[in-house]
C-alpha atoms as a PDB file:
ATOM      1  CA  MET A   1      98.664 197.176  98.991  1.00  0.00           C
ATOM      2  CA  ALA A   2      97.160 195.187  96.531  1.00  0.00           C
ATOM      3  CA  ASP A   3      98.231 195.273  92.566  1.00  0.00           C
ATOM      4  CA  PHE A   4      96.426 195.593  89.193  1.00  0.00           C
ATOM      5  CA  ASN A   5      96.336 191.535  87.967  1.00  0.00           C
ATOM      6  CA  PRO A   6      94.095 191.512  84.526  1.00  0.00           C
ATOM      7  CA  HIS A   7      92.528 188.191  85.242  1.00  0.00           C
ATOM      8  CA  ALA A   8      90.666 189.533  88.818  1.00  0.00           C
ATOM      9  CA  LYS A   9      87.790 189.638  88.825  1.00  0.00           C
ATOM     10  CA  TYR A  10      85.266 192.756  90.187  1.00  0.00           C
ATOM     11  CA  PRO A  11      84.013 192.464  93.577  1.00  0.00           C
ATOM     12  CA  ALA A  12      80.086 192.283  95.231  1.00  0.00           C
ATOM     13  CA  LEU A  13      80.150 192.286  98.767  1.00  0.00           C
ATOM     14  CA  VAL A  14      77.138 190.507 100.037  1.00  0.00           C
ATOM     15  CA  ILE A  15      75.205 190.573 103.871  1.00  0.00           C
ATOM     16  CA  LEU A  16      73.837 187.919 105.212  1.00  0.00           C
ATOM     17  CA  ALA A  17      71.338 187.977 108.068  1.00  0.00           C
ATOM     18  CA  PRO A  18      67.980 187.879 109.494  1.00  0.00           C
ATOM     19  CA  THR A  19      65.792 190.518 110.199  1.00  0.00           C
ATOM     20  CA  ALA A  20      67.158 193.842 113.445  1.00  0.00           C
ATOM     21  CA  SER A  21      70.648 192.219 112.479  1.00  0.00           C
ATOM     22  CA  GLY A  22      72.601 195.189 111.783  1.00  0.00           C
ATOM     23  CA  LYS A  23      72.123 194.999 108.060  1.00  0.00           C
ATOM     24  CA  SER A  24      71.924 198.391 106.836  1.00  0.00           C
ATOM     25  CA  ARG A  25      74.338 199.278 109.769  1.00  0.00           C
ATOM     26  CA  LEU A  26      76.853 197.641 107.958  1.00  0.00           C
ATOM     27  CA  ALA A  27      76.554 197.867 104.382  1.00  0.00           C
ATOM     28  CA  MET A  28      76.132 201.922 105.136  1.00  0.00           C
ATOM     29  CA  ALA A  29      79.363 201.808 106.680  1.00  0.00           C
ATOM     30  CA  VAL A  30      81.285 199.638 104.304  1.00  0.00           C
ATOM     31  CA  ALA A  31      79.605 202.353 101.741  1.00  0.00           C
ATOM     32  CA  ARG A  32      80.495 205.135 102.676  1.00  0.00           C
ATOM     33  CA  ARG A  33      84.857 203.884 102.844  1.00  0.00           C
ATOM     34  CA  ALA A  34      85.188 201.691 100.311  1.00  0.00           C
ATOM     35  CA  GLY A  35      83.138 204.202  97.575  1.00  0.00           C
ATOM     36  CA  GLY A  36      80.249 201.819  97.502  1.00  0.00           C
ATOM     37  CA  GLU A  37      76.163 201.648  96.126  1.00  0.00           C
ATOM     38  CA  ILE A  38      73.721 199.362  98.171  1.00  0.00           C
ATOM     39  CA  LEU A  39      71.921 197.028  96.083  1.00  0.00           C
ATOM     40  CA  SER A  40      68.537 195.647  98.784  1.00  0.00           C
ATOM     41  CA  VAL A  41      67.512 192.248  98.069  1.00  0.00           C
ATOM     42  CA  ASP A  42      63.916 192.105 100.101  1.00  0.00           C
ATOM     43  CA  ALA A  43      60.861 191.205  98.905  1.00  0.00           C
ATOM     44  CA  LEU A  44      58.841 193.917 100.604  1.00  0.00           C
ATOM     45  CA  LYS A  45      60.846 197.115 100.335  1.00  0.00           C
ATOM     46  CA  VAL A  46      59.752 197.399  96.536  1.00  0.00           C
ATOM     47  CA  TYR A  47      57.075 198.025  97.067  1.00  0.00           C
ATOM     48  CA  ARG A  48      55.872 202.131  97.768  1.00  0.00           C
ATOM     49  CA  GLY A  49      54.156 203.384 100.956  1.00  0.00           C
ATOM     50  CA  MET A  50      54.957 200.626 102.799  1.00  0.00           C
ATOM     51  CA  ASP A  51      58.018 202.352 104.618  1.00  0.00           C
ATOM     52  CA  ALA A  52      57.134 201.996 108.503  1.00  0.00           C
ATOM     53  CA  GLY A  53      56.461 198.330 108.298  1.00  0.00           C
ATOM     54  CA  THR A  54      60.077 197.932 106.387  1.00  0.00           C
ATOM     55  CA  ALA A  55      62.166 199.330 108.143  1.00  0.00           C
ATOM     56  CA  LYS A  56      63.187 201.751 104.603  1.00  0.00           C
ATOM     57  CA  PRO A  57      66.509 204.262 104.767  1.00  0.00           C
ATOM     58  CA  SER A  58      65.368 207.274 105.633  1.00  0.00           C
ATOM     59  CA  ALA A  59      65.819 209.954 103.094  1.00  0.00           C
ATOM     60  CA  ALA A  60      69.295 211.431 104.576  1.00  0.00           C
ATOM     61  CA  GLU A  61      70.988 207.957 103.872  1.00  0.00           C
ATOM     62  CA  ARG A  62      69.650 207.434 100.219  1.00  0.00           C
ATOM     63  CA  VAL A  63      70.648 210.911  99.641  1.00  0.00           C
ATOM     64  CA  GLU A  64      74.364 210.241 101.355  1.00  0.00           C
ATOM     65  CA  ILE A  65      74.426 206.414  99.290  1.00  0.00           C
ATOM     66  CA  PRO A  66      73.072 205.455  96.456  1.00  0.00           C
ATOM     67  CA  HIS A  67      70.015 203.013  97.083  1.00  0.00           C
ATOM     68  CA  HIS A  68      68.737 200.411  94.647  1.00  0.00           C
ATOM     69  CA  GLY A  69      66.330 197.334  94.328  1.00  0.00           C
ATOM     70  CA  ILE A  70      63.320 200.182  96.967  1.00  0.00           C
ATOM     71  CA  ASP A  71      60.121 201.886  95.856  1.00  0.00           C
ATOM     72  CA  LEU A  72      59.869 199.609  91.899  1.00  0.00           C
ATOM     73  CA  VAL A  73      56.443 198.944  92.510  1.00  0.00           C
ATOM     74  CA  ASP A  74      52.994 199.891  94.032  1.00  0.00           C
ATOM     75  CA  ALA A  75      51.471 198.067  97.023  1.00  0.00           C
ATOM     76  CA  HIS A  76      48.503 196.601  94.567  1.00  0.00           C
ATOM     77  CA  GLU A  77      50.718 194.658  92.220  1.00  0.00           C
ATOM     78  CA  GLU A  78      52.780 191.493  92.055  1.00  0.00           C
ATOM     79  CA  PHE A  79      56.650 191.437  92.418  1.00  0.00           C
ATOM     80  CA  SER A  80      58.305 188.324  91.190  1.00  0.00           C
ATOM     81  CA  VAL A  81      61.953 186.933  91.628  1.00  0.00           C
ATOM     82  CA  THR A  82      61.753 186.817  87.984  1.00  0.00           C
ATOM     83  CA  GLN A  83      61.128 190.800  87.412  1.00  0.00           C
ATOM     84  CA  PHE A  84      63.965 191.553  90.183  1.00  0.00           C
ATOM     85  CA  LEU A  85      66.412 189.724  88.638  1.00  0.00           C
ATOM     86  CA  ASP A  86      65.903 191.695  85.511  1.00  0.00           C
ATOM     87  CA  TYR A  87      66.601 194.726  88.312  1.00  0.00           C
ATOM     88  CA  ALA A  88      69.287 193.599  89.963  1.00  0.00           C
ATOM     89  CA  GLU A  89      71.245 192.481  86.908  1.00  0.00           C
ATOM     90  CA  ALA A  90      70.632 195.536  84.849  1.00  0.00           C
ATOM     91  CA  THR A  91      71.833 197.764  88.257  1.00  0.00           C
ATOM     92  CA  LEU A  92      75.139 195.887  89.304  1.00  0.00           C
ATOM     93  CA  ALA A  93      75.885 196.815  85.395  1.00  0.00           C
ATOM     94  CA  GLU A  94      75.782 200.019  86.306  1.00  0.00           C
ATOM     95  CA  ILE A  95      76.545 200.700  89.773  1.00  0.00           C
ATOM     96  CA  ARG A  96      80.635 198.602  88.118  1.00  0.00           C
ATOM     97  CA  SER A  97      80.289 201.135  85.083  1.00  0.00           C
ATOM     98  CA  ARG A  98      81.106 204.038  87.252  1.00  0.00           C
ATOM     99  CA  GLY A  99      83.821 201.651  89.591  1.00  0.00           C
ATOM    100  CA  ARG A 100      81.961 201.370  92.215  1.00  0.00           C
ATOM    101  CA  VAL A 101      81.660 198.505  94.985  1.00  0.00           C
ATOM    102  CA  PRO A 102      77.790 196.304  94.673  1.00  0.00           C
ATOM    103  CA  ILE A 103      76.470 195.778  98.609  1.00  0.00           C
ATOM    104  CA  LEU A 104      73.560 193.911  98.524  1.00  0.00           C
ATOM    105  CA  ASP A 105      72.155 193.853 101.634  1.00  0.00           C
ATOM    106  CA  VAL A 106      69.643 190.872 101.596  1.00  0.00           C
ATOM    107  CA  THR A 107      66.475 189.845 103.468  1.00  0.00           C
ATOM    108  CA  ALA A 108      64.898 186.967 101.052  1.00  0.00           C
ATOM    109  CA  PRO A 109      67.237 184.674 100.937  1.00  0.00           C
ATOM    110  CA  PHE A 110      65.545 183.078  97.558  1.00  0.00           C
ATOM    111  CA  TYR A 111      66.369 185.927  96.005  1.00  0.00           C
ATOM    112  CA  LEU A 112      69.888 185.974  96.269  1.00  0.00           C
ATOM    113  CA  LYS A 113      70.450 181.900  95.692  1.00  0.00           C
ATOM    114  CA  ALA A 114      68.623 183.345  92.263  1.00  0.00           C
ATOM    115  CA  LEU A 115      70.916 186.160  91.091  1.00  0.00           C
ATOM    116  CA  VAL A 116      73.706 184.563  92.409  1.00  0.00           C
ATOM    117  CA  TYR A 117      73.849 180.499  92.173  1.00  0.00           C
ATOM    118  CA  GLY A 118      70.644 180.741  88.913  1.00  0.00           C
ATOM    119  CA  VAL A 119      67.303 179.084  90.243  1.00  0.00           C
ATOM    120  CA  ASP A 120      66.433 175.312  88.357  1.00  0.00           C
ATOM    121  CA  ARG A 121      62.212 176.246  88.825  1.00  0.00           C
ATOM    122  CA  GLY A 122      61.745 172.486  86.716  1.00  0.00           C
ATOM    123  CA  PRO A 123      58.347 171.968  84.700  1.00  0.00           C
ATOM    124  CA  ALA A 124      55.633 174.241  84.661  1.00  0.00           C
ATOM    125  CA  PRO A 125      52.466 173.899  86.536  1.00  0.00           C
ATOM    126  CA  ASN A 126      50.143 170.904  86.038  1.00  0.00           C
ATOM    127  CA  ALA A 127      46.721 172.064  86.745  1.00  0.00           C
ATOM    128  CA  ASP A 128      45.060 167.835  86.049  1.00  0.00           C
ATOM    129  CA  PHE A 129      47.603 166.923  89.179  1.00  0.00           C
ATOM    130  CA  ARG A 130      47.241 170.052  91.087  1.00  0.00           C
ATOM    131  CA  ALA A 131      43.837 169.364  90.886  1.00  0.00           C
ATOM    132  CA  GLU A 132      44.260 165.977  91.560  1.00  0.00           C
ATOM    133  CA  MET A 133      46.340 166.957  94.655  1.00  0.00           C
ATOM    134  CA  GLN A 134      44.049 168.880  95.901  1.00  0.00           C
ATOM    135  CA  HIS A 135      42.415 166.548  98.120  1.00  0.00           C
ATOM    136  CA  VAL A 136      45.179 164.485  99.333  1.00  0.00           C
ATOM    137  CA  PRO A 137      45.996 165.042 102.586  1.00  0.00           C
ATOM    138  CA  ALA A 138      49.321 166.388 103.417  1.00  0.00           C
ATOM    139  CA  HIS A 139      50.569 163.511 105.813  1.00  0.00           C
ATOM    140  CA  ASP A 140      50.393 160.758 102.467  1.00  0.00           C
ATOM    141  CA  LEU A 141      51.985 162.791 100.054  1.00  0.00           C
ATOM    142  CA  HIS A 142      54.355 163.756 103.008  1.00  0.00           C
ATOM    143  CA  ALA A 143      54.530 159.400 102.452  1.00  0.00           C
ATOM    144  CA  ARG A 144      54.709 159.448  98.786  1.00  0.00           C
ATOM    145  CA  LEU A 145      57.453 161.198  98.638  1.00  0.00           C
ATOM    146  CA  ALA A 146      59.533 160.002 101.344  1.00  0.00           C
ATOM    147  CA  VAL A 147      59.543 156.897  99.040  1.00  0.00           C
ATOM    148  CA  LEU A 148      60.125 159.477  95.481  1.00  0.00           C
ATOM    149  CA  ASP A 149      62.810 161.867  97.263  1.00  0.00           C
ATOM    150  CA  PRO A 150      63.784 161.165 100.655  1.00  0.00           C
ATOM    151  CA  GLU A 151      65.697 164.154 100.865  1.00  0.00           C
ATOM    152  CA  SER A 152      62.843 166.928  99.904  1.00  0.00           C
ATOM    153  CA  ALA A 153      60.459 164.327 101.876  1.00  0.00           C
ATOM    154  CA  ARG A 154      62.992 165.625 105.148  1.00  0.00           C
ATOM    155  CA  ARG A 155      63.186 169.003 103.810  1.00  0.00           C
ATOM    156  CA  ILE A 156      59.335 169.402 103.664  1.00  0.00           C
ATOM    157  CA  GLY A 157      57.178 169.254 106.760  1.00  0.00           C
ATOM    158  CA  PRO A 158      54.651 167.029 106.382  1.00  0.00           C
ATOM    159  CA  ALA A 159      51.955 169.120 107.371  1.00  0.00           C
ATOM    160  CA  ASP A 160      53.062 171.673 104.656  1.00  0.00           C
ATOM    161  CA  HIS A 161      50.475 170.769 101.518  1.00  0.00           C
ATOM    162  CA  LYS A 162      51.429 173.282  99.056  1.00  0.00           C
ATOM    163  CA  ARG A 163      55.615 172.361  98.699  1.00  0.00           C
ATOM    164  CA  LEU A 164      54.898 168.927  99.630  1.00  0.00           C
ATOM    165  CA  VAL A 165      52.648 168.693  96.040  1.00  0.00           C
ATOM    166  CA  ARG A 166      55.287 171.080  93.937  1.00  0.00           C
ATOM    167  CA  ALA A 167      58.210 168.057  94.958  1.00  0.00           C
ATOM    168  CA  LEU A 168      55.751 165.937  93.719  1.00  0.00           C
ATOM    169  CA  GLU A 169      54.816 167.256  90.630  1.00  0.00           C
ATOM    170  CA  ILE A 170      59.082 167.897  89.622  1.00  0.00           C
ATOM    171  CA  ALA A 171      59.345 164.266  90.912  1.00  0.00           C
ATOM    172  CA  ARG A 172      56.862 162.847  87.768  1.00  0.00           C
ATOM    173  CA  PHE A 173      56.774 165.654  85.525  1.00  0.00           C
ATOM    174  CA  GLY A 174      60.820 167.542  85.777  1.00  0.00           C
ATOM    175  CA  GLY A 175      63.808 166.008  84.213  1.00  0.00           C
ATOM    176  CA  LYS A 176      65.408 165.776  88.282  1.00  0.00           C
ATOM    177  CA  LEU A 177      64.177 165.690  91.745  1.00  0.00           C
ATOM    178  CA  ALA A 178      63.203 168.590  94.364  1.00  0.00           C
ATOM    179  CA  SER A 179      66.006 167.803  96.034  1.00  0.00           C
ATOM    180  CA  GLU A 180      68.934 167.548  93.211  1.00  0.00           C
ATOM    181  CA  ALA A 181      67.654 170.674  91.600  1.00  0.00           C
ATOM    182  CA  ALA A 182      67.616 172.492  95.729  1.00  0.00           C
ATOM    183  CA  ARG A 183      72.097 171.264  95.593  1.00  0.00           C
ATOM    184  CA  TRP A 184      73.941 174.577  95.687  1.00  0.00           C
ATOM    185  CA  GLY A 185      76.382 174.706  92.661  1.00  0.00           C
ATOM    186  CA  GLU A 186      79.299 177.501  91.873  1.00  0.00           C
ATOM    187  CA  PRO A 187      78.150 180.980  91.866  1.00  0.00           C
ATOM    188  CA  ARG A 188      78.332 182.750  89.078  1.00  0.00           C
ATOM    189  CA  GLY A 189      81.967 183.664  87.831  1.00  0.00           C
ATOM    190  CA  ASP A 190      81.778 187.936  86.869  1.00  0.00           C
ATOM    191  CA  TYR A 191      82.288 189.125  89.839  1.00  0.00           C
ATOM    192  CA  ARG A 192      84.537 187.708  92.669  1.00  0.00           C
ATOM    193  CA  TRP A 193      81.815 187.501  95.366  1.00  0.00           C
ATOM    194  CA  LEU A 194      82.352 188.471  98.982  1.00  0.00           C
ATOM    195  CA  PHE A 195      80.101 187.290 101.549  1.00  0.00           C
ATOM    196  CA  THR A 196      79.877 188.474 104.999  1.00  0.00           C
ATOM    197  CA  GLY A 197      77.151 187.251 107.473  1.00  0.00           C
ATOM    198  CA  ILE A 198      76.063 188.996 110.973  1.00  0.00           C
ATOM    199  CA  ARG A 199      75.122 186.739 113.255  1.00  0.00           C
ATOM    200  CA  TRP A 200      74.336 187.566 117.192  1.00  0.00           C
ATOM    201  CA  PRO A 201      72.819 185.393 119.828  1.00  0.00           C
ATOM    202  CA  ARG A 202      69.700 184.410 119.949  1.00  0.00           C
ATOM    203  CA  GLU A 203      67.876 186.179 122.333  1.00  0.00           C
ATOM    204  CA  LEU A 204      70.102 189.236 122.497  1.00  0.00           C
ATOM    205  CA  LEU A 205      68.211 189.110 118.427  1.00  0.00           C
ATOM    206  CA  TYR A 206      65.054 188.654 119.500  1.00  0.00           C
ATOM    207  CA  GLN A 207      65.393 191.385 122.115  1.00  0.00           C
ATOM    208  CA  ARG A 208      66.066 194.005 118.392  1.00  0.00           C
ATOM    209  CA  VAL A 209      63.325 192.555 116.576  1.00  0.00           C
ATOM    210  CA  ARG A 210      60.875 193.046 119.681  1.00  0.00           C
ATOM    211  CA  GLU A 211      62.533 196.601 119.903  1.00  0.00           C
ATOM    212  CA  ARG A 212      62.282 196.913 115.883  1.00  0.00           C
ATOM    213  CA  ALA A 213      59.088 196.183 115.317  1.00  0.00           C
ATOM    214  CA  LEU A 214      57.932 198.931 118.616  1.00  0.00           C
ATOM    215  CA  LYS A 215      59.387 201.241 117.079  1.00  0.00           C
ATOM    216  CA  MET A 216      57.546 200.508 113.601  1.00  0.00           C
ATOM    217  CA  PHE A 217      53.982 200.670 115.904  1.00  0.00           C
ATOM    218  CA  GLU A 218      55.414 203.986 116.765  1.00  0.00           C
ATOM    219  CA  ALA A 219      56.625 205.681 113.331  1.00  0.00           C
ATOM    220  CA  GLY A 220      52.825 205.164 112.517  1.00  0.00           C
ATOM    221  CA  TRP A 221      52.177 201.600 111.039  1.00  0.00           C
ATOM    222  CA  ILE A 222      48.797 201.197 111.030  1.00  0.00           C
ATOM    223  CA  ASP A 223      47.832 204.591 109.284  1.00  0.00           C
ATOM    224  CA  GLU A 224      50.444 203.070 106.783  1.00  0.00           C
ATOM    225  CA  VAL A 225      48.350 200.227 106.060  1.00  0.00           C
ATOM    226  CA  LYS A 226      45.011 202.065 106.334  1.00  0.00           C
ATOM    227  CA  ARG A 227      46.023 205.253 103.483  1.00  0.00           C
ATOM    228  CA  ILE A 228      47.272 201.885 101.889  1.00  0.00           C
ATOM    229  CA  ALA A 229      44.137 199.719 102.489  1.00  0.00           C
ATOM    230  CA  ALA A 230      41.734 202.701 101.360  1.00  0.00           C
ATOM    231  CA  SER A 231      43.303 203.543  98.321  1.00  0.00           C
ATOM    232  CA  THR A 232      45.257 200.710  96.195  1.00  0.00           C
ATOM    233  CA  GLY A 233      44.493 198.165  98.697  1.00  0.00           C
ATOM    234  CA  PHE A 234      47.332 195.341  98.962  1.00  0.00           C
ATOM    235  CA  SER A 235      48.721 192.669  96.219  1.00  0.00           C
ATOM    236  CA  ARG A 236      48.152 189.384  97.574  1.00  0.00           C
ATOM    237  CA  THR A 237      52.036 189.481  98.035  1.00  0.00           C
ATOM    238  CA  ALA A 238      52.349 192.883 100.351  1.00  0.00           C
ATOM    239  CA  GLY A 239      48.854 192.270 102.084  1.00  0.00           C
ATOM    240  CA  LEU A 240      50.795 188.652 103.640  1.00  0.00           C
ATOM    241  CA  ALA A 241      54.268 190.371 104.676  1.00  0.00           C
ATOM    242  CA  HIS A 242      54.627 189.937 108.628  1.00  0.00           C
ATOM    243  CA  GLY A 243      52.758 192.901 110.728  1.00  0.00           C
ATOM    244  CA  TYR A 244      50.452 194.166 107.387  1.00  0.00           C
ATOM    245  CA  ARG A 245      48.052 191.208 108.262  1.00  0.00           C
ATOM    246  CA  ARG A 246      47.808 191.182 111.582  1.00  0.00           C
ATOM    247  CA  ILE A 247      47.194 195.521 111.173  1.00  0.00           C
ATOM    248  CA  GLN A 248      44.573 194.705 109.134  1.00  0.00           C
ATOM    249  CA  GLU A 249      43.491 191.912 111.164  1.00  0.00           C
ATOM    250  CA  MET A 250      42.979 194.944 113.930  1.00  0.00           C
ATOM    251  CA  LEU A 251      41.438 197.020 111.661  1.00  0.00           C
ATOM    252  CA  GLY A 252      38.814 194.067 110.508  1.00  0.00           C
ATOM    253  CA  GLY A 253      38.063 193.957 114.316  1.00  0.00           C
ATOM    254  CA  SER A 254      39.579 189.912 114.507  1.00  0.00           C
ATOM    255  CA  ILE A 255      42.084 190.799 117.131  1.00  0.00           C
ATOM    256  CA  THR A 256      43.029 193.607 119.428  1.00  0.00           C
ATOM    257  CA  LEU A 257      45.709 196.090 119.249  1.00  0.00           C
ATOM    258  CA  ASP A 258      47.731 194.253 121.752  1.00  0.00           C
ATOM    259  CA  GLU A 259      47.142 190.882 120.532  1.00  0.00           C
ATOM    260  CA  CYS A 260      48.006 192.531 117.358  1.00  0.00           C
ATOM    261  CA  VAL A 261      51.609 193.636 118.347  1.00  0.00           C
ATOM    262  CA  GLU A 262      52.505 190.629 119.631  1.00  0.00           C
ATOM    263  CA  GLN A 263      51.519 188.379 116.608  1.00  0.00           C
ATOM    264  CA  THR A 264      53.869 190.588 114.919  1.00  0.00           C
ATOM    265  CA  VAL A 265      56.491 190.582 117.160  1.00  0.00           C
ATOM    266  CA  ARG A 266      55.818 186.649 116.862  1.00  0.00           C
ATOM    267  CA  ASP A 267      56.271 186.825 113.286  1.00  0.00           C
ATOM    268  CA  VAL A 268      58.766 188.664 112.694  1.00  0.00           C
ATOM    269  CA  LYS A 269      60.795 186.362 115.265  1.00  0.00           C
ATOM    270  CA  LEU A 270      60.020 183.454 113.337  1.00  0.00           C
ATOM    271  CA  PHE A 271      60.413 184.885 110.078  1.00  0.00           C
ATOM    272  CA  ALA A 272      64.003 185.802 111.787  1.00  0.00           C
ATOM    273  CA  ARG A 273      64.441 182.145 112.256  1.00  0.00           C
ATOM    274  CA  LYS A 274      63.677 181.083 109.268  1.00  0.00           C
ATOM    275  CA  SER A 275      66.155 183.183 107.096  1.00  0.00           C
ATOM    276  CA  MET A 276      68.907 182.187 109.384  1.00  0.00           C
ATOM    277  CA  THR A 277      68.091 178.869 108.142  1.00  0.00           C
ATOM    278  CA  PHE A 278      68.245 179.303 104.833  1.00  0.00           C
ATOM    279  CA  PHE A 279      71.306 182.088 105.256  1.00  0.00           C
ATOM    280  CA  LYS A 280      73.814 178.916 107.506  1.00  0.00           C
ATOM    281  CA  GLY A 281      73.200 177.200 103.981  1.00  0.00           C
ATOM    282  CA  PHE A 282      75.205 179.609 101.492  1.00  0.00           C
ATOM    283  CA  PRO A 283      78.272 178.050 101.423  1.00  0.00           C
ATOM    284  CA  LYS A 284      81.474 180.307 101.748  1.00  0.00           C
ATOM    285  CA  VAL A 285      80.635 182.517 104.085  1.00  0.00           C
ATOM    286  CA  GLN A 286      82.438 184.816 106.310  1.00  0.00           C
ATOM    287  CA  TRP A 287      80.397 185.038 109.474  1.00  0.00           C
ATOM    288  CA  LEU A 288      80.608 187.461 112.204  1.00  0.00           C
ATOM    289  CA  ASP A 289      79.882 186.981 115.736  1.00  0.00           C
ATOM    290  CA  VAL A 290      78.493 189.954 117.239  1.00  0.00           C
ATOM    291  CA  SER A 291      76.462 191.582 120.870  1.00  0.00           C
ATOM    292  CA  SER A 292      77.205 194.707 119.752  1.00  0.00           C
ATOM    293  CA  GLU A 293      76.971 197.337 117.435  1.00  0.00           C
ATOM    294  CA  ASP A 294      80.035 198.826 117.452  1.00  0.00           C
ATOM    295  CA  GLU A 295      81.611 195.494 116.517  1.00  0.00           C
ATOM    296  CA  ILE A 296      79.474 195.754 113.362  1.00  0.00           C
ATOM    297  CA  ASP A 297      81.498 199.038 112.978  1.00  0.00           C
ATOM    298  CA  ARG A 298      85.528 197.672 113.950  1.00  0.00           C
ATOM    299  CA  ALA A 299      84.148 194.645 110.959  1.00  0.00           C
ATOM    300  CA  ALA A 300      82.731 197.891 108.368  1.00  0.00           C
ATOM    301  CA  MET A 301      86.851 198.814 108.870  1.00  0.00           C
ATOM    302  CA  TYR A 302      88.120 195.684 107.878  1.00  0.00           C
ATOM    303  CA  LEU A 303      85.586 194.827 105.376  1.00  0.00           C
ATOM    304  CA  SER A 304      86.225 198.078 103.734  1.00  0.00           C
ATOM    305  CA  HIS A 305      89.948 197.443 103.491  1.00  0.00           C
ATOM    306  CA  GLU A 306      89.536 194.162 101.747  1.00  0.00           C
ATOM    307  CA  LEU A 307      87.262 195.704  99.198  1.00  0.00           C
ATOM    308  CA  LYS A 308      89.380 198.465  98.535  1.00  0.00           C
ATOM    309  CA  GLU A 309      92.218 196.002  97.977  1.00  0.00           C
ATOM    310  CA  MET A 310      90.384 193.897  95.585  1.00  0.00           C
ATOM    311  CA  LEU A 311      89.373 196.493  93.209  1.00  0.00           C
ATOM    312  CA  ILE A 312      93.146 197.851  93.359  1.00  0.00           C
ATOM    313  CA  GLU A 313      93.360 194.183  91.851  1.00  0.00           C
ATOM    314  CA  ALA A 314      90.676 194.546  89.435  1.00  0.00           C
ATOM    315  CA  GLY A 315      91.821 197.769  88.210  1.00  0.00           C
ATOM    316  CA  VAL A 316      89.902 200.364  89.980  1.00  0.00           C
ATOM    317  CA  LYS A 317      91.528 202.440  92.476  1.00  0.00           C
ATOM    318  CA  ARG A 318      91.120 203.176  95.220  1.00  0.00           C
ATOM    319  CA  GLU A 319      92.685 205.354  98.295  1.00  0.00           C
ATOM    320  CA  PRO A 320      93.767 202.945 100.792  1.00  0.00           C
ATOM    321  CA  VAL A 321      92.071 202.136 103.969  1.00  0.00           C
ATOM    322  CA  ASP A 322      93.297 203.722 107.440  1.00  0.00           C
ATOM    323  CA  LEU A 323      93.074 201.306 109.406  1.00  0.00           C
ATOM    324  CA  PRO A 324      92.928 201.708 113.380  1.00  0.00           C
END
């Protein structure tokens, strides 16, 4: 049993994994056992009415365990990382004041990095420079960046015009290169961060992605899009989300229902792969290699025990977990 340590920091659990990995299952299981509240770090769950296509927790789950970061704005509104940071800071403080464990269920890696490591936003956009670069072919921009900032050029695809322009803009008007701004520092020191990732074999993950997408369609995803489009409409960010964009294309007659479903599955797989690539860059992550949900449940028991020990060290009393 841990002893109180006046220098111990308050624990916070961060669960990293691509969509359909079982993050929410793990978060719920740990919250039940360790006295936690869940903060959704997700760029889409913030939108009211976008329920079927974002796999929000059920009403019963929200009654059982407090959830935060969900249904913050309407679908026609934009939502930025700055808004998320303001909300998340206040929410973490509230959870901590109640002696509960903050459990971050992460789908948006950039939001998480901004919250835990901070973001160097670089120089403000330069309208004249961007207008000048607008007509320059992407491969030429990439060649220029390779000279000025080789590390960023390796990281940014040669056809990604928008990010190439931004990297060149930072190199020209900023105090340091984009690659220097992107490097990891130390996590903020006011919490004891416990980073846990869920890692599935690729084929099993893709199977889960497909099954989830099909369930979303069965749960009324198309009707949800029709309802929002007929009322407030979508903001640019919300409307371009995977699935929502394809359904709008289908409703507009440019693709069939079968094409909509298959392209949505493909988009979500791509998002999962990109998310996993980003998550692998986070330092000090304890990765759980799983091939079944039973393994996720077993991991929850040990994580709960670890968190309770950390709480005791920080002066918050919790009953010990009965481990199998």
